[in-house]
Amino acid sequence: MHDGHHGNDYMGKSEQYTTLSFGTRVKWFVICFAGGVLCSILWISFCVTLFHSTCFLMGPFKQLKRMFEPTRLIKMYIIHILFLFVSLQWNKKGLAIIFCILQFLAMTW
C-alpha cells in the first residue's frame, strides 16, 4: 500500500511474519477444534438438563406443547437476538447473562 503495491502479495507477507511451523499450526487447530466440540457438547447437555428439569414442574407433554406456542417462540427469538447482540456487539457480560436467563424463562414459563 505505502510501498506502491496494490495488496497482491498480502498473503505472502503475512506468511513471512508468521513464526509457527505447519506442525504447530495443525496441533493448535486440533486442540481448539476439540475444545469447541467439547464446549458444544457440554452446552447441549446443559440445555437438555434444564429442559428436563422444567418437565418435572408440569409434565413433559404439557411443557413441549407450551414451548411451541407462537407467542412464546416470538418472545424467545426476540430475546435470543438481543442476547446475541448484547454479547457479541456490545460485549456486556452482565447483560448477556440476564438475557440468557430471560431466554430460558421465555422458553419455560
PDB file of N, CA and C in Angstrom:
ATOM      1  N   MET A   1       0.818  -1.160   0.000  1.00  0.00           N
ATOM      2  CA  MET A   1       0.000   0.000   0.000  1.00  0.00           C
ATOM      3  C   MET A   1       0.883   1.252   0.000  1.00  0.00           C
ATOM      4  N   HIS A   2       1.733   1.402   1.012  1.00  0.00           N
ATOM      5  CA  HIS A   2       2.615   2.548   1.043  1.00  0.00           C
ATOM      6  C   HIS A   2       3.813   2.360   0.117  1.00  0.00           C
ATOM      7  N   ASP A   3       4.173   1.105  -0.158  1.00  0.00           N
ATOM      8  CA  ASP A   3       5.349   0.846  -0.970  1.00  0.00           C
ATOM      9  C   ASP A   3       5.010   0.694  -2.448  1.00  0.00           C
ATOM     10  N   GLY A   4       3.802   1.084  -2.861  1.00  0.00           N
ATOM     11  CA  GLY A   4       3.439   1.041  -4.259  1.00  0.00           C
ATOM     12  C   GLY A   4       2.748  -0.243  -4.676  1.00  0.00           C
ATOM     13  N   HIS A   5       2.676  -1.252  -3.815  1.00  0.00           N
ATOM     14  CA  HIS A   5       1.985  -2.483  -4.156  1.00  0.00           C
ATOM     15  C   HIS A   5       0.489  -2.318  -3.937  1.00  0.00           C
ATOM     16  N   HIS A   6      -0.269  -3.084  -4.647  1.00  0.00           N
ATOM     17  CA  HIS A   6      -1.722  -2.988  -4.563  1.00  0.00           C
ATOM     18  C   HIS A   6      -2.331  -4.062  -3.690  1.00  0.00           C
ATOM     19  N   GLY A   7      -1.568  -4.677  -2.827  1.00  0.00           N
ATOM     20  CA  GLY A   7      -2.098  -5.673  -1.914  1.00  0.00           C
ATOM     21  C   GLY A   7      -2.102  -7.075  -2.479  1.00  0.00           C
ATOM     22  N   ASN A   8      -1.494  -7.299  -3.631  1.00  0.00           N
ATOM     23  CA  ASN A   8      -1.496  -8.622  -4.241  1.00  0.00           C
ATOM     24  C   ASN A   8      -0.659  -9.616  -3.452  1.00  0.00           C
ATOM     25  N   ASP A   9       0.362  -9.140  -2.761  1.00  0.00           N
ATOM     26  CA  ASP A   9       1.246 -10.047  -2.029  1.00  0.00           C
ATOM     27  C   ASP A   9       0.985 -10.001  -0.523  1.00  0.00           C
ATOM     28  N   TYR A  10      -0.221  -9.673  -0.141  1.00  0.00           N
ATOM     29  CA  TYR A  10      -0.565  -9.592   1.282  1.00  0.00           C
ATOM     30  C   TYR A  10      -0.389 -10.942   1.966  1.00  0.00           C
ATOM     31  N   MET A  11      -0.849 -12.013   1.339  1.00  0.00           N
ATOM     32  CA  MET A  11      -0.722 -13.336   1.940  1.00  0.00           C
ATOM     33  C   MET A  11       0.740 -13.733   2.074  1.00  0.00           C
ATOM     34  N   GLY A  12       1.553 -13.380   1.109  1.00  0.00           N
ATOM     35  CA  GLY A  12       2.976 -13.696   1.192  1.00  0.00           C
ATOM     36  C   GLY A  12       3.640 -12.995   2.360  1.00  0.00           C
ATOM     37  N   LYS A  13       3.295 -11.749   2.587  1.00  0.00           N
ATOM     38  CA  LYS A  13       3.862 -11.007   3.709  1.00  0.00           C
ATOM     39  C   LYS A  13       3.366 -11.562   5.039  1.00  0.00           C
ATOM     40  N   SER A  14       2.103 -11.951   5.112  1.00  0.00           N
ATOM     41  CA  SER A  14       1.600 -12.494   6.374  1.00  0.00           C
ATOM     42  C   SER A  14       2.277 -13.822   6.687  1.00  0.00           C
ATOM     43  N   GLU A  15       2.557 -14.624   5.668  1.00  0.00           N
ATOM     44  CA  GLU A  15       3.276 -15.874   5.878  1.00  0.00           C
ATOM     45  C   GLU A  15       4.712 -15.599   6.315  1.00  0.00           C
ATOM     46  N   GLN A  16       5.297 -14.546   5.817  1.00  0.00           N
ATOM     47  CA  GLN A  16       6.674 -14.198   6.156  1.00  0.00           C
ATOM     48  C   GLN A  16       6.792 -13.854   7.639  1.00  0.00           C
ATOM     49  N   TYR A  17       5.799 -13.191   8.204  1.00  0.00           N
ATOM     50  CA  TYR A  17       5.869 -12.759   9.594  1.00  0.00           C
ATOM     51  C   TYR A  17       5.376 -13.810  10.581  1.00  0.00           C
ATOM     52  N   THR A  18       4.805 -14.879  10.111  1.00  0.00           N
ATOM     53  CA  THR A  18       4.316 -15.940  10.981  1.00  0.00           C
ATOM     54  C   THR A  18       5.468 -16.866  11.320  1.00  0.00           C
ATOM     55  N   THR A  19       5.638 -17.130  12.606  1.00  0.00           N
ATOM     56  CA  THR A  19       6.785 -17.930  13.028  1.00  0.00           C
ATOM     57  C   THR A  19       6.411 -19.358  13.419  1.00  0.00           C
ATOM     58  N   LEU A  20       5.142 -19.709  13.376  1.00  0.00           N
ATOM     59  CA  LEU A  20       4.737 -21.052  13.758  1.00  0.00           C
ATOM     60  C   LEU A  20       4.956 -22.021  12.597  1.00  0.00           C
ATOM     61  N   SER A  21       5.446 -23.200  12.932  1.00  0.00           N
ATOM     62  CA  SER A  21       5.622 -24.216  11.901  1.00  0.00           C
ATOM     63  C   SER A  21       4.263 -24.812  11.530  1.00  0.00           C
ATOM     64  N   PHE A  22       4.214 -25.509  10.411  1.00  0.00           N
ATOM     65  CA  PHE A  22       2.967 -26.119   9.974  1.00  0.00           C
ATOM     66  C   PHE A  22       2.473 -27.136  10.997  1.00  0.00           C
ATOM     67  N   GLY A  23       3.371 -27.928  11.565  1.00  0.00           N
ATOM     68  CA  GLY A  23       3.002 -28.922  12.566  1.00  0.00           C
ATOM     69  C   GLY A  23       2.386 -28.281  13.801  1.00  0.00           C
ATOM     70  N   THR A  24       2.958 -27.158  14.242  1.00  0.00           N
ATOM     71  CA  THR A  24       2.411 -26.453  15.400  1.00  0.00           C
ATOM     72  C   THR A  24       1.033 -25.897  15.097  1.00  0.00           C
ATOM     73  N   ARG A  25       0.862 -25.379  13.884  1.00  0.00           N
ATOM     74  CA  ARG A  25      -0.449 -24.858  13.500  1.00  0.00           C
ATOM     75  C   ARG A  25      -1.489 -25.961  13.506  1.00  0.00           C
ATOM     76  N   VAL A  26      -1.136 -27.134  12.985  1.00  0.00           N
ATOM     77  CA  VAL A  26      -2.070 -28.260  12.946  1.00  0.00           C
ATOM     78  C   VAL A  26      -2.408 -28.718  14.357  1.00  0.00           C
ATOM     79  N   LYS A  27      -1.398 -28.796  15.231  1.00  0.00           N
ATOM     80  CA  LYS A  27      -1.646 -29.212  16.614  1.00  0.00           C
ATOM     81  C   LYS A  27      -2.620 -28.264  17.299  1.00  0.00           C
ATOM     82  N   TRP A  28      -2.412 -26.957  17.168  1.00  0.00           N
ATOM     83  CA  TRP A  28      -3.277 -25.991  17.833  1.00  0.00           C
ATOM     84  C   TRP A  28      -4.657 -25.949  17.196  1.00  0.00           C
ATOM     85  N   PHE A  29      -4.727 -26.218  15.890  1.00  0.00           N
ATOM     86  CA  PHE A  29      -6.036 -26.327  15.255  1.00  0.00           C
ATOM     87  C   PHE A  29      -6.818 -27.470  15.882  1.00  0.00           C
ATOM     88  N   VAL A  30      -6.177 -28.630  16.029  1.00  0.00           N
ATOM     89  CA  VAL A  30      -6.842 -29.799  16.608  1.00  0.00           C
ATOM     90  C   VAL A  30      -7.255 -29.519  18.051  1.00  0.00           C
ATOM     91  N   ILE A  31      -6.386 -28.878  18.829  1.00  0.00           N
ATOM     92  CA  ILE A  31      -6.706 -28.567  20.228  1.00  0.00           C
ATOM     93  C   ILE A  31      -7.903 -27.618  20.304  1.00  0.00           C
ATOM     94  N   CYS A  32      -7.899 -26.559  19.509  1.00  0.00           N
ATOM     95  CA  CYS A  32      -9.006 -25.594  19.536  1.00  0.00           C
ATOM     96  C   CYS A  32     -10.298 -26.217  19.012  1.00  0.00           C
ATOM     97  N   PHE A  33     -10.198 -27.024  17.969  1.00  0.00           N
ATOM     98  CA  PHE A  33     -11.378 -27.681  17.419  1.00  0.00           C
ATOM     99  C   PHE A  33     -11.983 -28.635  18.440  1.00  0.00           C
ATOM    100  N   ALA A  34     -11.133 -29.437  19.089  1.00  0.00           N
ATOM    101  CA  ALA A  34     -11.618 -30.379  20.097  1.00  0.00           C
ATOM    102  C   ALA A  34     -12.229 -29.618  21.276  1.00  0.00           C
ATOM    103  N   GLY A  35     -11.613 -28.514  21.666  1.00  0.00           N
ATOM    104  CA  GLY A  35     -12.175 -27.700  22.745  1.00  0.00           C
ATOM    105  C   GLY A  35     -13.537 -27.147  22.375  1.00  0.00           C
ATOM    106  N   GLY A  36     -13.704 -26.716  21.131  1.00  0.00           N
ATOM    107  CA  GLY A  36     -15.001 -26.219  20.674  1.00  0.00           C
ATOM    108  C   GLY A  36     -16.063 -27.302  20.685  1.00  0.00           C
ATOM    109  N   VAL A  37     -15.680 -28.502  20.232  1.00  0.00           N
ATOM    110  CA  VAL A  37     -16.623 -29.617  20.240  1.00  0.00           C
ATOM    111  C   VAL A  37     -17.012 -29.962  21.675  1.00  0.00           C
ATOM    112  N   LEU A  38     -16.034 -29.999  22.584  1.00  0.00           N
ATOM    113  CA  LEU A  38     -16.311 -30.308  23.983  1.00  0.00           C
ATOM    114  C   LEU A  38     -17.249 -29.272  24.599  1.00  0.00           C
ATOM    115  N   CYS A  39     -16.975 -27.991  24.344  1.00  0.00           N
ATOM    116  CA  CYS A  39     -17.851 -26.942  24.883  1.00  0.00           C
ATOM    117  C   CYS A  39     -19.256 -27.061  24.315  1.00  0.00           C
ATOM    118  N   SER A  40     -19.365 -27.402  23.040  1.00  0.00           N
ATOM    119  CA  SER A  40     -20.683 -27.573  22.431  1.00  0.00           C
ATOM    120  C   SER A  40     -21.437 -28.714  23.082  1.00  0.00           C
ATOM    121  N   ILE A  41     -20.746 -29.816  23.316  1.00  0.00           N
ATOM    122  CA  ILE A  41     -21.385 -30.970  23.947  1.00  0.00           C
ATOM    123  C   ILE A  41     -21.832 -30.620  25.361  1.00  0.00           C
ATOM    124  N   LEU A  42     -20.963 -29.917  26.094  1.00  0.00           N
ATOM    125  CA  LEU A  42     -21.328 -29.517  27.456  1.00  0.00           C
ATOM    126  C   LEU A  42     -22.515 -28.570  27.448  1.00  0.00           C
ATOM    127  N   TRP A  43     -22.538 -27.631  26.496  1.00  0.00           N
ATOM    128  CA  TRP A  43     -23.638 -26.666  26.419  1.00  0.00           C
ATOM    129  C   TRP A  43     -24.940 -27.371  26.076  1.00  0.00           C
ATOM    130  N   ILE A  44     -24.871 -28.315  25.129  1.00  0.00           N
ATOM    131  CA  ILE A  44     -26.077 -29.047  24.749  1.00  0.00           C
ATOM    132  C   ILE A  44     -26.595 -29.864  25.929  1.00  0.00           C
ATOM    133  N   SER A  45     -25.689 -30.527  26.651  1.00  0.00           N
ATOM    134  CA  SER A  45     -26.140 -31.320  27.797  1.00  0.00           C
ATOM    135  C   SER A  45     -26.716 -30.414  28.888  1.00  0.00           C
ATOM    136  N   PHE A  46     -26.173 -29.218  29.040  1.00  0.00           N
ATOM    137  CA  PHE A  46     -26.702 -28.249  29.997  1.00  0.00           C
ATOM    138  C   PHE A  46     -28.123 -27.848  29.610  1.00  0.00           C
ATOM    139  N   CYS A  47     -28.332 -27.555  28.327  1.00  0.00           N
ATOM    140  CA  CYS A  47     -29.667 -27.159  27.867  1.00  0.00           C
ATOM    141  C   CYS A  47     -30.669 -28.297  28.005  1.00  0.00           C
ATOM    142  N   VAL A  48     -30.248 -29.513  27.680  1.00  0.00           N
ATOM    143  CA  VAL A  48     -31.140 -30.667  27.811  1.00  0.00           C
ATOM    144  C   VAL A  48     -31.506 -30.885  29.275  1.00  0.00           C
ATOM    145  N   THR A  49     -30.546 -30.736  30.162  1.00  0.00           N
ATOM    146  CA  THR A  49     -30.812 -30.896  31.594  1.00  0.00           C
ATOM    147  C   THR A  49     -31.788 -29.834  32.086  1.00  0.00           C
ATOM    148  N   LEU A  50     -31.608 -28.593  31.629  1.00  0.00           N
ATOM    149  CA  LEU A  50     -32.544 -27.539  32.017  1.00  0.00           C
ATOM    150  C   LEU A  50     -33.953 -27.841  31.517  1.00  0.00           C
ATOM    151  N   PHE A  51     -34.046 -28.330  30.290  1.00  0.00           N
ATOM    152  CA  PHE A  51     -35.359 -28.673  29.754  1.00  0.00           C
ATOM    153  C   PHE A  51     -36.004 -29.775  30.582  1.00  0.00           C
ATOM    154  N   HIS A  52     -35.242 -30.804  30.902  1.00  0.00           N
ATOM    155  CA  HIS A  52     -35.797 -31.904  31.687  1.00  0.00           C
ATOM    156  C   HIS A  52     -36.226 -31.440  33.085  1.00  0.00           C
ATOM    157  N   SER A  53     -35.501 -30.493  33.634  1.00  0.00           N
ATOM    158  CA  SER A  53     -35.881 -30.013  34.962  1.00  0.00           C
ATOM    159  C   SER A  53     -37.236 -29.323  34.928  1.00  0.00           C
ATOM    160  N   THR A  54     -37.543 -28.614  33.837  1.00  0.00           N
ATOM    161  CA  THR A  54     -38.847 -27.950  33.762  1.00  0.00           C
ATOM    162  C   THR A  54     -39.965 -28.940  33.480  1.00  0.00           C
ATOM    163  N   CYS A  55     -39.645 -30.082  32.899  1.00  0.00           N
ATOM    164  CA  CYS A  55     -40.672 -31.110  32.655  1.00  0.00           C
ATOM    165  C   CYS A  55     -41.243 -31.642  33.954  1.00  0.00           C
ATOM    166  N   PHE A  56     -40.457 -31.592  35.019  1.00  0.00           N
ATOM    167  CA  PHE A  56     -40.950 -32.075  36.308  1.00  0.00           C
ATOM    168  C   PHE A  56     -42.027 -31.151  36.877  1.00  0.00           C
ATOM    169  N   LEU A  57     -41.996 -29.883  36.486  1.00  0.00           N
ATOM    170  CA  LEU A  57     -42.970 -28.938  37.027  1.00  0.00           C
ATOM    171  C   LEU A  57     -44.368 -29.153  36.477  1.00  0.00           C
ATOM    172  N   MET A  58     -44.478 -29.415  35.169  1.00  0.00           N
ATOM    173  CA  MET A  58     -45.813 -29.502  34.568  1.00  0.00           C
ATOM    174  C   MET A  58     -46.017 -30.725  33.699  1.00  0.00           C
ATOM    175  N   GLY A  59     -45.042 -31.578  33.610  1.00  0.00           N
ATOM    176  CA  GLY A  59     -45.156 -32.766  32.774  1.00  0.00           C
ATOM    177  C   GLY A  59     -44.555 -32.520  31.395  1.00  0.00           C
ATOM    178  N   PRO A  60     -43.982 -33.541  30.782  1.00  0.00           N
ATOM    179  CA  PRO A  60     -43.256 -33.339  29.529  1.00  0.00           C
ATOM    180  C   PRO A  60     -44.144 -32.927  28.353  1.00  0.00           C
ATOM    181  N   PHE A  61     -45.332 -33.500  28.224  1.00  0.00           N
ATOM    182  CA  PHE A  61     -46.172 -33.186  27.069  1.00  0.00           C
ATOM    183  C   PHE A  61     -46.733 -31.776  27.143  1.00  0.00           C
ATOM    184  N   LYS A  62     -47.161 -31.384  28.327  1.00  0.00           N
ATOM    185  CA  LYS A  62     -47.665 -30.021  28.501  1.00  0.00           C
ATOM    186  C   LYS A  62     -46.536 -29.003  28.288  1.00  0.00           C
ATOM    187  N   GLN A  63     -45.346 -29.327  28.772  1.00  0.00           N
ATOM    188  CA  GLN A  63     -44.199 -28.440  28.599  1.00  0.00           C
ATOM    189  C   GLN A  63     -43.857 -28.284  27.113  1.00  0.00           C
ATOM    190  N   LEU A  64     -43.789 -29.383  26.377  1.00  0.00           N
ATOM    191  CA  LEU A  64     -43.486 -29.310  24.948  1.00  0.00           C
ATOM    192  C   LEU A  64     -44.556 -28.521  24.193  1.00  0.00           C
ATOM    193  N   LYS A  65     -45.816 -28.755  24.540  1.00  0.00           N
ATOM    194  CA  LYS A  65     -46.910 -28.042  23.891  1.00  0.00           C
ATOM    195  C   LYS A  65     -46.794 -26.544  24.129  1.00  0.00           C
ATOM    196  N   ARG A  66     -46.508 -26.175  25.357  1.00  0.00           N
ATOM    197  CA  ARG A  66     -46.395 -24.746  25.690  1.00  0.00           C
ATOM    198  C   ARG A  66     -45.144 -24.105  25.104  1.00  0.00           C
ATOM    199  N   MET A  67     -44.070 -24.886  24.952  1.00  0.00           N
ATOM    200  CA  MET A  67     -42.830 -24.326  24.403  1.00  0.00           C
ATOM    201  C   MET A  67     -43.000 -23.857  22.960  1.00  0.00           C
ATOM    202  N   PHE A  68     -43.878 -24.519  22.226  1.00  0.00           N
ATOM    203  CA  PHE A  68     -44.012 -24.202  20.811  1.00  0.00           C
ATOM    204  C   PHE A  68     -45.239 -23.355  20.494  1.00  0.00           C
ATOM    205  N   GLU A  69     -45.795 -22.706  21.484  1.00  0.00           N
ATOM    206  CA  GLU A  69     -46.854 -21.740  21.234  1.00  0.00           C
ATOM    207  C   GLU A  69     -46.254 -20.562  20.474  1.00  0.00           C
ATOM    208  N   PRO A  70     -46.993 -20.004  19.495  1.00  0.00           N
ATOM    209  CA  PRO A  70     -46.429 -18.937  18.657  1.00  0.00           C
ATOM    210  C   PRO A  70     -45.940 -17.719  19.437  1.00  0.00           C
ATOM    211  N   THR A  71     -46.704 -17.277  20.428  1.00  0.00           N
ATOM    212  CA  THR A  71     -46.266 -16.092  21.178  1.00  0.00           C
ATOM    213  C   THR A  71     -44.994 -16.379  21.968  1.00  0.00           C
ATOM    214  N   ARG A  72     -44.876 -17.587  22.491  1.00  0.00           N
ATOM    215  CA  ARG A  72     -43.684 -17.957  23.248  1.00  0.00           C
ATOM    216  C   ARG A  72     -42.458 -18.010  22.336  1.00  0.00           C
ATOM    217  N   LEU A  73     -42.615 -18.562  21.135  1.00  0.00           N
ATOM    218  CA  LEU A  73     -41.499 -18.637  20.193  1.00  0.00           C
ATOM    219  C   LEU A  73     -41.029 -17.248  19.779  1.00  0.00           C
ATOM    220  N   ILE A  74     -41.980 -16.352  19.543  1.00  0.00           N
ATOM    221  CA  ILE A  74     -41.613 -14.983  19.157  1.00  0.00           C
ATOM    222  C   ILE A  74     -40.818 -14.319  20.271  1.00  0.00           C
ATOM    223  N   LYS A  75     -41.304 -14.444  21.509  1.00  0.00           N
ATOM    224  CA  LYS A  75     -40.581 -13.864  22.650  1.00  0.00           C
ATOM    225  C   LYS A  75     -39.190 -14.463  22.771  1.00  0.00           C
ATOM    226  N   MET A  76     -39.102 -15.779  22.611  1.00  0.00           N
ATOM    227  CA  MET A  76     -37.817 -16.454  22.774  1.00  0.00           C
ATOM    228  C   MET A  76     -36.825 -15.998  21.701  1.00  0.00           C
ATOM    229  N   TYR A  77     -37.287 -15.877  20.453  1.00  0.00           N
ATOM    230  CA  TYR A  77     -36.385 -15.452  19.383  1.00  0.00           C
ATOM    231  C   TYR A  77     -35.965 -13.998  19.542  1.00  0.00           C
ATOM    232  N   ILE A  78     -36.871 -13.133  19.974  1.00  0.00           N
ATOM    233  CA  ILE A  78     -36.509 -11.731  20.199  1.00  0.00           C
ATOM    234  C   ILE A  78     -35.453 -11.629  21.290  1.00  0.00           C
ATOM    235  N   ILE A  79     -35.666 -12.347  22.377  1.00  0.00           N
ATOM    236  CA  ILE A  79     -34.690 -12.321  23.468  1.00  0.00           C
ATOM    237  C   ILE A  79     -33.379 -12.946  23.019  1.00  0.00           C
ATOM    238  N   HIS A  80     -33.434 -13.990  22.188  1.00  0.00           N
ATOM    239  CA  HIS A  80     -32.212 -14.618  21.678  1.00  0.00           C
ATOM    240  C   HIS A  80     -31.424 -13.637  20.805  1.00  0.00           C
ATOM    241  N   ILE A  81     -32.096 -12.898  19.954  1.00  0.00           N
ATOM    242  CA  ILE A  81     -31.420 -11.901  19.115  1.00  0.00           C
ATOM    243  C   ILE A  81     -30.807 -10.814  19.981  1.00  0.00           C
ATOM    244  N   LEU A  82     -31.539 -10.363  20.997  1.00  0.00           N
ATOM    245  CA  LEU A  82     -30.988  -9.365  21.918  1.00  0.00           C
ATOM    246  C   LEU A  82     -29.767  -9.913  22.658  1.00  0.00           C
ATOM    247  N   PHE A  83     -29.846 -11.185  23.065  1.00  0.00           N
ATOM    248  CA  PHE A  83     -28.719 -11.827  23.744  1.00  0.00           C
ATOM    249  C   PHE A  83     -27.486 -11.840  22.847  1.00  0.00           C
ATOM    250  N   LEU A  84     -27.663 -12.238  21.592  1.00  0.00           N
ATOM    251  CA  LEU A  84     -26.524 -12.268  20.668  1.00  0.00           C
ATOM    252  C   LEU A  84     -25.962 -10.872  20.424  1.00  0.00           C
ATOM    253  N   PHE A  85     -26.838  -9.897  20.259  1.00  0.00           N
ATOM    254  CA  PHE A  85     -26.383  -8.526  20.021  1.00  0.00           C
ATOM    255  C   PHE A  85     -25.612  -7.985  21.219  1.00  0.00           C
ATOM    256  N   VAL A  86     -26.163  -8.185  22.415  1.00  0.00           N
ATOM    257  CA  VAL A  86     -25.517  -7.668  23.625  1.00  0.00           C
ATOM    258  C   VAL A  86     -24.174  -8.355  23.863  1.00  0.00           C
ATOM    259  N   SER A  87     -24.134  -9.673  23.683  1.00  0.00           N
ATOM    260  CA  SER A  87     -22.900 -10.388  23.992  1.00  0.00           C
ATOM    261  C   SER A  87     -21.838 -10.210  22.917  1.00  0.00           C
ATOM    262  N   LEU A  88     -22.225 -10.178  21.646  1.00  0.00           N
ATOM    263  CA  LEU A  88     -21.233 -10.100  20.579  1.00  0.00           C
ATOM    264  C   LEU A  88     -20.909  -8.662  20.167  1.00  0.00           C
ATOM    265  N   GLN A  89     -21.908  -7.802  20.095  1.00  0.00           N
ATOM    266  CA  GLN A  89     -21.685  -6.444  19.616  1.00  0.00           C
ATOM    267  C   GLN A  89     -21.214  -5.520  20.741  1.00  0.00           C
ATOM    268  N   TRP A  90     -21.922  -5.526  21.847  1.00  0.00           N
ATOM    269  CA  TRP A  90     -21.582  -4.626  22.946  1.00  0.00           C
ATOM    270  C   TRP A  90     -20.579  -5.225  23.915  1.00  0.00           C
ATOM    271  N   ASN A  91     -20.456  -6.543  23.933  1.00  0.00           N
ATOM    272  CA  ASN A  91     -19.535  -7.247  24.828  1.00  0.00           C
ATOM    273  C   ASN A  91     -19.841  -6.941  26.305  1.00  0.00           C
ATOM    274  N   LYS A  92     -21.120  -6.943  26.637  1.00  0.00           N
ATOM    275  CA  LYS A  92     -21.568  -6.707  28.016  1.00  0.00           C
ATOM    276  C   LYS A  92     -21.935  -8.049  28.642  1.00  0.00           C
ATOM    277  N   LYS A  93     -21.066  -8.568  29.479  1.00  0.00           N
ATOM    278  CA  LYS A  93     -21.274  -9.906  30.043  1.00  0.00           C
ATOM    279  C   LYS A  93     -22.469  -9.961  30.979  1.00  0.00           C
ATOM    280  N   GLY A  94     -22.661  -8.944  31.790  1.00  0.00           N
ATOM    281  CA  GLY A  94     -23.777  -8.931  32.731  1.00  0.00           C
ATOM    282  C   GLY A  94     -25.123  -8.939  32.022  1.00  0.00           C
ATOM    283  N   LEU A  95     -25.253  -8.094  30.999  1.00  0.00           N
ATOM    284  CA  LEU A  95     -26.498  -8.075  30.236  1.00  0.00           C
ATOM    285  C   LEU A  95     -26.703  -9.377  29.477  1.00  0.00           C
ATOM    286  N   ALA A  96     -25.615  -9.965  28.995  1.00  0.00           N
ATOM    287  CA  ALA A  96     -25.717 -11.235  28.273  1.00  0.00           C
ATOM    288  C   ALA A  96     -26.260 -12.325  29.195  1.00  0.00           C
ATOM    289  N   ILE A  97     -25.802 -12.349  30.436  1.00  0.00           N
ATOM    290  CA  ILE A  97     -26.302 -13.343  31.396  1.00  0.00           C
ATOM    291  C   ILE A  97     -27.776 -13.095  31.690  1.00  0.00           C
ATOM    292  N   ILE A  98     -28.161 -11.831  31.829  1.00  0.00           N
ATOM    293  CA  ILE A  98     -29.564 -11.509  32.084  1.00  0.00           C
ATOM    294  C   ILE A  98     -30.439 -11.969  30.916  1.00  0.00           C
ATOM    295  N   PHE A  99     -29.999 -11.706  29.672  1.00  0.00           N
ATOM    296  CA  PHE A  99     -30.780 -12.128  28.515  1.00  0.00           C
ATOM    297  C   PHE A  99     -30.802 -13.645  28.368  1.00  0.00           C
ATOM    298  N   CYS A 100     -29.739 -14.301  28.780  1.00  0.00           N
ATOM    299  CA  CYS A 100     -29.709 -15.765  28.755  1.00  0.00           C
ATOM    300  C   CYS A 100     -30.757 -16.320  29.726  1.00  0.00           C
ATOM    301  N   ILE A 101     -30.836 -15.736  30.906  1.00  0.00           N
ATOM    302  CA  ILE A 101     -31.836 -16.155  31.890  1.00  0.00           C
ATOM    303  C   ILE A 101     -33.239 -15.845  31.383  1.00  0.00           C
ATOM    304  N   LEU A 102     -33.415 -14.664  30.778  1.00  0.00           N
ATOM    305  CA  LEU A 102     -34.729 -14.311  30.230  1.00  0.00           C
ATOM    306  C   LEU A 102     -35.139 -15.248  29.103  1.00  0.00           C
ATOM    307  N   GLN A 103     -34.173 -15.664  28.294  1.00  0.00           N
ATOM    308  CA  GLN A 103     -34.473 -16.601  27.225  1.00  0.00           C
ATOM    309  C   GLN A 103     -34.943 -17.926  27.798  1.00  0.00           C
ATOM    310  N   PHE A 104     -34.282 -18.398  28.817  1.00  0.00           N
ATOM    311  CA  PHE A 104     -34.694 -19.637  29.474  1.00  0.00           C
ATOM    312  C   PHE A 104     -36.090 -19.498  30.056  1.00  0.00           C
ATOM    313  N   LEU A 105     -36.365 -18.363  30.707  1.00  0.00           N
ATOM    314  CA  LEU A 105     -37.684 -18.138  31.285  1.00  0.00           C
ATOM    315  C   LEU A 105     -38.757 -18.048  30.214  1.00  0.00           C
ATOM    316  N   ALA A 106     -38.423 -17.429  29.066  1.00  0.00           N
ATOM    317  CA  ALA A 106     -39.394 -17.342  27.978  1.00  0.00           C
ATOM    318  C   ALA A 106     -39.714 -18.717  27.422  1.00  0.00           C
ATOM    319  N   MET A 107     -38.726 -19.606  27.444  1.00  0.00           N
ATOM    320  CA  MET A 107     -38.944 -20.947  26.942  1.00  0.00           C
ATOM    321  C   MET A 107     -39.789 -21.783  27.904  1.00  0.00           C
ATOM    322  N   THR A 108     -39.599 -21.583  29.205  1.00  0.00           N
ATOM    323  CA  THR A 108     -40.226 -22.473  30.173  1.00  0.00           C
ATOM    324  C   THR A 108     -41.473 -21.903  30.831  1.00  0.00           C
ATOM    325  N   TRP A 109     -41.638 -20.618  30.893  1.00  0.00           N
ATOM    326  CA  TRP A 109     -42.728 -20.029  31.671  1.00  0.00           C
ATOM    327  C   TRP A 109     -44.041 -20.219  30.968  1.00  0.00           C
TER     328      TRP A 109
END
